[in-house]
Amino acid sequence: MQEPEMPTLTTAQLRYREAEYFYSEFIANSGPPRDSYFKMVCYFDAFLFALVSVEEMIDDSAKARLRDIDVFRFVKALRNITMHHSVLAAPQPGAKFERPFFRHLWESIGGAPVASAKLGIRFDIFRGIFDAIEAERPTEKHTLNPARDYLLKLESRTQPIFLESVLFDALSAVKGFVV
C-alpha cells in the first residue's frame, strides 16, 4: 500500500490491512528462502495486536457480532497473553509460560527445501496456560472460556493444527467487519 491510499481507508480497514501484511510476512519468514524464527515471532505478535485492535475501531453492533466469533475470541486470548504475560511463540527459559507451539520442520535430504517450517499447536500447553491465567485473573473467564471452546474444536480436527491456518481463519472472520 502506498501513502495516497491510506487516507481512503477507515481506521479499521487500515488496521486490517496491517494484519494482512503481518500474516503474509509471518508466512514468508516460515521457510525457504527466508526462514527466520525471530521474524516469525515478531510478525505473529504484530498480527495479534493489529487484528484484535479492529474490535475497538468498529461500531458497537459490529463489535458485539465480532465477539461472538470463536476464532476471534481465541486470537484475542492469545493477544492478551502475549501482551500481559509472555512472548507465546518464543522459546524462552524462565518465561512465565511454556511455549504452546512446536516447530514442524520438513526434511529435504539431498535437495532444495520444499516446504516451510510451521508452528503446530500444543493443546495441552494452551489448556494449562488458560487455567493458570484464570486462577490468577478470574475476571478473564469471559475471554478464556470461548478460547477453550475454540481450542476443543481445533483439537477435534486432523492433527497437527498449524498456527498459520488459525491466523488465516481469523483474518477471514474479521474481513467482513471492515469492508
C-alpha atoms as a PDB file:
ATOM      1  CA  MET A   1       0.000   0.000   0.000  1.00  0.00           C
ATOM      2  CA  GLN A   2       1.230   3.429  -0.865  1.00  0.00           C
ATOM      3  CA  GLU A   3       0.727   6.566   1.201  1.00  0.00           C
ATOM      4  CA  PRO A   4      -2.015   8.082  -1.028  1.00  0.00           C
ATOM      5  CA  GLU A   5      -4.217   5.024  -0.454  1.00  0.00           C
ATOM      6  CA  MET A   6      -4.021   5.170   3.344  1.00  0.00           C
ATOM      7  CA  PRO A   7      -6.403   8.143   3.844  1.00  0.00           C
ATOM      8  CA  THR A   8      -9.035   6.399   1.706  1.00  0.00           C
ATOM      9  CA  LEU A   9      -9.433   3.662   4.328  1.00  0.00           C
ATOM     10  CA  THR A  10     -11.236   3.695   7.628  1.00  0.00           C
ATOM     11  CA  THR A  11      -9.111   3.136  10.717  1.00  0.00           C
ATOM     12  CA  ALA A  12     -10.451  -0.431  10.989  1.00  0.00           C
ATOM     13  CA  GLN A  13      -9.669  -1.108   7.319  1.00  0.00           C
ATOM     14  CA  LEU A  14      -6.131   0.193   7.703  1.00  0.00           C
ATOM     15  CA  ARG A  15      -5.540  -1.902  10.800  1.00  0.00           C
ATOM     16  CA  TYR A  16      -6.941  -4.949   8.991  1.00  0.00           C
ATOM     17  CA  ARG A  17      -4.561  -4.335   6.083  1.00  0.00           C
ATOM     18  CA  GLU A  18      -1.719  -4.216   8.615  1.00  0.00           C
ATOM     19  CA  ALA A  19      -2.831  -7.614   9.940  1.00  0.00           C
ATOM     20  CA  GLU A  20      -2.857  -8.985   6.378  1.00  0.00           C
ATOM     21  CA  TYR A  21       0.678  -7.680   5.871  1.00  0.00           C
ATOM     22  CA  PHE A  22       1.906  -9.175   9.151  1.00  0.00           C
ATOM     23  CA  TYR A  23       0.316 -12.507   8.221  1.00  0.00           C
ATOM     24  CA  SER A  24       1.993 -12.515   4.804  1.00  0.00           C
ATOM     25  CA  GLU A  25       5.352 -11.709   6.398  1.00  0.00           C
ATOM     26  CA  PHE A  26       4.822 -14.429   9.015  1.00  0.00           C
ATOM     27  CA  ILE A  27       4.287 -16.930   6.183  1.00  0.00           C
ATOM     28  CA  ALA A  28       7.191 -15.545   4.128  1.00  0.00           C
ATOM     29  CA  ASN A  29       9.566 -15.995   7.055  1.00  0.00           C
ATOM     30  CA  SER A  30       8.369 -19.510   7.824  1.00  0.00           C
ATOM     31  CA  GLY A  31      10.656 -21.227   5.383  1.00  0.00           C
ATOM     32  CA  PRO A  32      12.704 -21.102   2.233  1.00  0.00           C
ATOM     33  CA  PRO A  33      14.131 -18.850   1.144  1.00  0.00           C
ATOM     34  CA  ARG A  34      13.734 -16.654   4.274  1.00  0.00           C
ATOM     35  CA  ASP A  35      13.489 -18.922   7.292  1.00  0.00           C
ATOM     36  CA  SER A  36      13.712 -16.616  10.308  1.00  0.00           C
ATOM     37  CA  TYR A  37      12.201 -17.804  13.557  1.00  0.00           C
ATOM     38  CA  PHE A  38      12.799 -14.399  15.141  1.00  0.00           C
ATOM     39  CA  LYS A  39      10.798 -12.699  12.387  1.00  0.00           C
ATOM     40  CA  MET A  40       8.057 -15.318  12.651  1.00  0.00           C
ATOM     41  CA  VAL A  41       7.692 -14.434  16.337  1.00  0.00           C
ATOM     42  CA  CYS A  42       7.714 -10.690  15.614  1.00  0.00           C
ATOM     43  CA  TYR A  43       5.127 -10.914  12.857  1.00  0.00           C
ATOM     44  CA  PHE A  44       2.923 -13.241  14.910  1.00  0.00           C
ATOM     45  CA  ASP A  45       2.864 -10.720  17.772  1.00  0.00           C
ATOM     46  CA  ALA A  46       2.239  -7.815  15.386  1.00  0.00           C
ATOM     47  CA  PHE A  47      -0.564  -9.757  13.699  1.00  0.00           C
ATOM     48  CA  LEU A  48      -2.281 -10.359  17.046  1.00  0.00           C
ATOM     49  CA  PHE A  49      -2.076  -6.710  18.051  1.00  0.00           C
ATOM     50  CA  ALA A  50      -3.296  -5.404  14.676  1.00  0.00           C
ATOM     51  CA  LEU A  51      -6.157  -7.832  14.145  1.00  0.00           C
ATOM     52  CA  VAL A  52      -7.578  -7.670  17.653  1.00  0.00           C
ATOM     53  CA  SER A  53      -7.452  -3.865  17.675  1.00  0.00           C
ATOM     54  CA  VAL A  54     -10.030  -3.839  14.857  1.00  0.00           C
ATOM     55  CA  GLU A  55     -12.557  -4.649  17.586  1.00  0.00           C
ATOM     56  CA  GLU A  56     -12.111  -1.193  19.109  1.00  0.00           C
ATOM     57  CA  MET A  57     -12.439   0.558  15.748  1.00  0.00           C
ATOM     58  CA  ILE A  58     -15.876  -0.652  14.679  1.00  0.00           C
ATOM     59  CA  ASP A  59     -19.338   0.317  15.894  1.00  0.00           C
ATOM     60  CA  ASP A  60     -20.914  -1.331  18.931  1.00  0.00           C
ATOM     61  CA  SER A  61     -23.283  -3.535  16.929  1.00  0.00           C
ATOM     62  CA  ALA A  62     -20.451  -4.919  14.789  1.00  0.00           C
ATOM     63  CA  LYS A  63     -18.267  -5.264  17.877  1.00  0.00           C
ATOM     64  CA  ALA A  64     -20.899  -7.466  19.555  1.00  0.00           C
ATOM     65  CA  ARG A  65     -21.124  -9.698  16.458  1.00  0.00           C
ATOM     66  CA  LEU A  66     -17.330  -9.929  16.198  1.00  0.00           C
ATOM     67  CA  ARG A  67     -17.120 -11.006  19.832  1.00  0.00           C
ATOM     68  CA  ASP A  68     -19.414 -13.937  19.024  1.00  0.00           C
ATOM     69  CA  ILE A  69     -16.894 -15.426  16.581  1.00  0.00           C
ATOM     70  CA  ASP A  70     -14.937 -18.196  18.250  1.00  0.00           C
ATOM     71  CA  VAL A  71     -11.696 -17.837  16.270  1.00  0.00           C
ATOM     72  CA  PHE A  72     -11.646 -14.124  17.065  1.00  0.00           C
ATOM     73  CA  ARG A  73     -12.094 -14.843  20.776  1.00  0.00           C
ATOM     74  CA  PHE A  74      -9.235 -17.356  20.608  1.00  0.00           C
ATOM     75  CA  VAL A  75      -6.917 -14.889  18.856  1.00  0.00           C
ATOM     76  CA  LYS A  76      -7.921 -12.212  21.356  1.00  0.00           C
ATOM     77  CA  ALA A  77      -6.935 -14.523  24.214  1.00  0.00           C
ATOM     78  CA  LEU A  78      -3.563 -15.089  22.502  1.00  0.00           C
ATOM     79  CA  ARG A  79      -3.091 -11.343  22.140  1.00  0.00           C
ATOM     80  CA  ASN A  80      -3.892 -10.801  25.804  1.00  0.00           C
ATOM     81  CA  ILE A  81      -1.406 -13.474  26.861  1.00  0.00           C
ATOM     82  CA  THR A  82       1.268 -12.049  24.577  1.00  0.00           C
ATOM     83  CA  MET A  83       0.596  -8.524  25.800  1.00  0.00           C
ATOM     84  CA  HIS A  84       0.443  -9.207  29.533  1.00  0.00           C
ATOM     85  CA  HIS A  85       2.238 -12.451  30.269  1.00  0.00           C
ATOM     86  CA  SER A  86       4.623 -13.995  27.776  1.00  0.00           C
ATOM     87  CA  VAL A  87       6.031 -13.964  24.251  1.00  0.00           C
ATOM     88  CA  LEU A  88       3.992 -17.016  23.267  1.00  0.00           C
ATOM     89  CA  ALA A  89       5.842 -18.085  20.150  1.00  0.00           C
ATOM     90  CA  ALA A  90       9.344 -17.663  21.567  1.00  0.00           C
ATOM     91  CA  PRO A  91      11.186 -20.453  23.350  1.00  0.00           C
ATOM     92  CA  GLN A  92      12.451 -18.659  26.453  1.00  0.00           C
ATOM     93  CA  PRO A  93      13.949 -20.200  29.557  1.00  0.00           C
ATOM     94  CA  GLY A  94      12.303 -18.651  32.581  1.00  0.00           C
ATOM     95  CA  ALA A  95       9.236 -17.459  30.654  1.00  0.00           C
ATOM     96  CA  LYS A  96       6.002 -17.333  32.598  1.00  0.00           C
ATOM     97  CA  PHE A  97       4.517 -20.000  30.324  1.00  0.00           C
ATOM     98  CA  GLU A  98       5.904 -22.833  28.281  1.00  0.00           C
ATOM     99  CA  ARG A  99       5.694 -22.231  24.534  1.00  0.00           C
ATOM    100  CA  PRO A 100       2.351 -23.656  23.326  1.00  0.00           C
ATOM    101  CA  PHE A 101       3.703 -24.379  19.850  1.00  0.00           C
ATOM    102  CA  PHE A 102       6.078 -26.870  18.342  1.00  0.00           C
ATOM    103  CA  ARG A 103       8.117 -26.095  15.268  1.00  0.00           C
ATOM    104  CA  HIS A 104       7.486 -28.563  12.479  1.00  0.00           C
ATOM    105  CA  LEU A 105      10.438 -28.724  10.127  1.00  0.00           C
ATOM    106  CA  TRP A 106      10.226 -30.501   6.795  1.00  0.00           C
ATOM    107  CA  GLU A 107      13.144 -32.656   5.811  1.00  0.00           C
ATOM    108  CA  SER A 108      14.650 -32.314   2.377  1.00  0.00           C
ATOM    109  CA  ILE A 109      17.549 -34.687   2.044  1.00  0.00           C
ATOM    110  CA  GLY A 110      19.831 -34.052  -0.884  1.00  0.00           C
ATOM    111  CA  GLY A 111      17.752 -31.354  -2.491  1.00  0.00           C
ATOM    112  CA  ALA A 112      16.423 -27.872  -2.151  1.00  0.00           C
ATOM    113  CA  PRO A 113      13.999 -27.200   0.714  1.00  0.00           C
ATOM    114  CA  VAL A 114      10.475 -27.866  -0.451  1.00  0.00           C
ATOM    115  CA  ALA A 115       8.262 -26.620   2.371  1.00  0.00           C
ATOM    116  CA  SER A 116       8.133 -24.132   5.171  1.00  0.00           C
ATOM    117  CA  ALA A 117       8.697 -24.529   8.866  1.00  0.00           C
ATOM    118  CA  LYS A 118       5.367 -24.313  10.658  1.00  0.00           C
ATOM    119  CA  LEU A 119       4.234 -23.757  14.214  1.00  0.00           C
ATOM    120  CA  GLY A 120       1.927 -26.501  15.416  1.00  0.00           C
ATOM    121  CA  ILE A 121      -0.425 -26.064  18.345  1.00  0.00           C
ATOM    122  CA  ARG A 122       0.236 -27.910  21.603  1.00  0.00           C
ATOM    123  CA  PHE A 123      -3.258 -28.221  23.031  1.00  0.00           C
ATOM    124  CA  ASP A 124      -2.222 -29.416  26.485  1.00  0.00           C
ATOM    125  CA  ILE A 125       0.086 -26.422  26.961  1.00  0.00           C
ATOM    126  CA  PHE A 126      -2.642 -23.989  25.888  1.00  0.00           C
ATOM    127  CA  ARG A 127      -5.081 -25.540  28.350  1.00  0.00           C
ATOM    128  CA  GLY A 128      -2.516 -25.146  31.125  1.00  0.00           C
ATOM    129  CA  ILE A 129      -1.900 -21.506  30.204  1.00  0.00           C
ATOM    130  CA  PHE A 130      -5.622 -20.728  30.145  1.00  0.00           C
ATOM    131  CA  ASP A 131      -6.080 -22.428  33.533  1.00  0.00           C
ATOM    132  CA  ALA A 132      -3.135 -20.553  35.066  1.00  0.00           C
ATOM    133  CA  ILE A 133      -4.406 -17.191  33.821  1.00  0.00           C
ATOM    134  CA  GLU A 134      -7.918 -17.881  35.087  1.00  0.00           C
ATOM    135  CA  ALA A 135      -6.521 -18.825  38.511  1.00  0.00           C
ATOM    136  CA  GLU A 136      -4.564 -15.563  38.563  1.00  0.00           C
ATOM    137  CA  ARG A 137      -7.288 -13.401  36.990  1.00  0.00           C
ATOM    138  CA  PRO A 138     -10.774 -14.898  37.418  1.00  0.00           C
ATOM    139  CA  THR A 139     -12.313 -11.916  35.628  1.00  0.00           C
ATOM    140  CA  GLU A 140     -10.724 -13.170  32.367  1.00  0.00           C
ATOM    141  CA  LYS A 141     -13.062 -16.162  32.302  1.00  0.00           C
ATOM    142  CA  HIS A 142     -15.295 -14.414  29.725  1.00  0.00           C
ATOM    143  CA  THR A 143     -12.366 -14.410  27.272  1.00  0.00           C
ATOM    144  CA  LEU A 144     -10.787 -17.712  28.267  1.00  0.00           C
ATOM    145  CA  ASN A 145     -13.882 -19.919  28.064  1.00  0.00           C
ATOM    146  CA  PRO A 146     -14.569 -19.156  24.389  1.00  0.00           C
ATOM    147  CA  ALA A 147     -10.851 -19.620  23.703  1.00  0.00           C
ATOM    148  CA  ARG A 148     -11.044 -23.047  25.365  1.00  0.00           C
ATOM    149  CA  ASP A 149     -14.101 -23.911  23.276  1.00  0.00           C
ATOM    150  CA  TYR A 150     -12.283 -22.995  20.080  1.00  0.00           C
ATOM    151  CA  LEU A 151      -9.254 -24.991  21.202  1.00  0.00           C
ATOM    152  CA  LEU A 152     -11.529 -28.047  21.557  1.00  0.00           C
ATOM    153  CA  LYS A 153     -12.805 -27.501  18.004  1.00  0.00           C
ATOM    154  CA  LEU A 154      -9.238 -27.336  16.732  1.00  0.00           C
ATOM    155  CA  GLU A 155      -8.302 -30.444  18.654  1.00  0.00           C
ATOM    156  CA  SER A 156     -11.105 -32.409  17.004  1.00  0.00           C
ATOM    157  CA  ARG A 157      -9.574 -31.767  13.560  1.00  0.00           C
ATOM    158  CA  THR A 158      -6.915 -33.889  11.927  1.00  0.00           C
ATOM    159  CA  GLN A 159      -3.581 -33.381  13.691  1.00  0.00           C
ATOM    160  CA  PRO A 160      -1.427 -31.400  13.690  1.00  0.00           C
ATOM    161  CA  ILE A 161      -3.060 -27.989  13.528  1.00  0.00           C
ATOM    162  CA  PHE A 162      -0.707 -25.271  12.373  1.00  0.00           C
ATOM    163  CA  LEU A 163      -0.840 -21.694  13.598  1.00  0.00           C
ATOM    164  CA  GLU A 164      -0.920 -20.271  10.076  1.00  0.00           C
ATOM    165  CA  SER A 165      -4.354 -21.842   9.451  1.00  0.00           C
ATOM    166  CA  VAL A 166      -5.754 -20.324  12.664  1.00  0.00           C
ATOM    167  CA  LEU A 167      -4.401 -16.892  11.691  1.00  0.00           C
ATOM    168  CA  PHE A 168      -5.869 -17.249   8.197  1.00  0.00           C
ATOM    169  CA  ASP A 169      -9.255 -18.221   9.664  1.00  0.00           C
ATOM    170  CA  ALA A 170      -9.107 -15.201  11.979  1.00  0.00           C
ATOM    171  CA  LEU A 171      -8.338 -12.861   9.071  1.00  0.00           C
ATOM    172  CA  SER A 172     -11.222 -14.324   7.092  1.00  0.00           C
ATOM    173  CA  ALA A 173     -13.612 -13.940  10.028  1.00  0.00           C
ATOM    174  CA  VAL A 174     -12.719 -10.298  10.650  1.00  0.00           C
ATOM    175  CA  LYS A 175     -12.704  -9.241   6.985  1.00  0.00           C
ATOM    176  CA  GLY A 176     -16.473  -8.812   6.804  1.00  0.00           C
ATOM    177  CA  PHE A 177     -16.356  -6.260   9.595  1.00  0.00           C
ATOM    178  CA  VAL A 178     -14.033  -3.864   7.779  1.00  0.00           C
ATOM    179  CA  VAL A 179     -15.424  -3.925   4.221  1.00  0.00           C
END
